[in-house]
C-alpha cells in the first residue's frame, strides 16, 4: 500500500464558519451528556432487533433529541427514535444523529460527511461483514444528516481491550481490511465497540464514527496494526474478490463521487494483489488521540 505521510487535517477555528456559529446558537438548549450522570439516565434498554427493524425505524421514526454527545468535534446527538402512526409495530430505539449543519469545516474533506457514514454501512453490508451499525440519511431536528443505530455496548471495552480475545480476531481482521477499502482516516480505539447482545448480523464488533473516509488520496489512520504483514485469510479475500468481480461498488453511487468510487476499487485491487495486511513503515498512520 502507499506509504507517504499525509498532511495533518486542520479544522477552521470556532466561529470561522457562520453556518456553524448559527448552529451552535440553535443547539445551545440541548442537554449535554456527560460522565457526571449515570449512563442509565440517557440510554434506554431495548430488546434485540433485526437489521430490517432497525432500518425501518431509522427511516420512518420520529426523532426526539436526548442530548449532545460529549467529546465530539462535530455536533453529534443521541436521539430517541419513536414509532409513528405508520410504524406502530416498530420498536422504540435510540440512534446517533449527525446533522450536516453541525460539521466543522475541514480543508481536505468536503461538506457532507453524513453520506460517508451511509457509504461505510453499505460497503460493510455488501461485503457481508456487518461491521457498521444500520445507518440512513434523512432529515432531523437540525436538518439532513446521518442517523445510525445506537449500539448497546459495554463502553469500557474498545479495540485496545478487545484485541487479545481470540473470539474477536476474525472480525477485527475484517475491520482492518475494511478500513483500507474505505480509507478510514480516523479509526480510534474507541470507535470499535463490542455489542454482545446485538443481533444485527454475524458480528458483535461494530465500527462507528466513519465520516472521515473514502478520500481519493490514501489517508489511512488506524489503531488496527496488530495484523500488519500477515496473510489475508480467505474469509477476507473472497468477499473482496466478489465485490470487484460483481461490480458491487455501484452501491456507493449517489453518495460518493466517481473518482472516490474508483479510488476505493483501486485500494481493493492493491490489497488483494499484496495478499497481506497493510504495513506502515513510517509509523505515522495512527490517529490521535488513540482512544
Foldseek 3Di string as FASTA:
>chain_A
DDFDADDDKDFDDPPPDPLQVVVCVVCVPFAEDDPVDDPPVQADDWAADELVLVQVQQVDFAWDFNGFYPPDPFTKTKIWGHDDPVRVVHTIFIKIWGALSRDTDIPQDDRDLQLLLQLLCLVCVLLQLRAAADKDWDQHPVGTGIIGTDAPFDQVAWCVNPVVDVVCPVSLLLVLLSCLLFLQQAAARSQWTQRPNYDHHDDRIHGDDRSRTLRLDRRAAHPSCPFAPPFDDCSRLVSLVVCLVVVVLCVSPPSDDPSSSVSSNVSSVVCNVVRGRHDHPPPNRHHPPRD
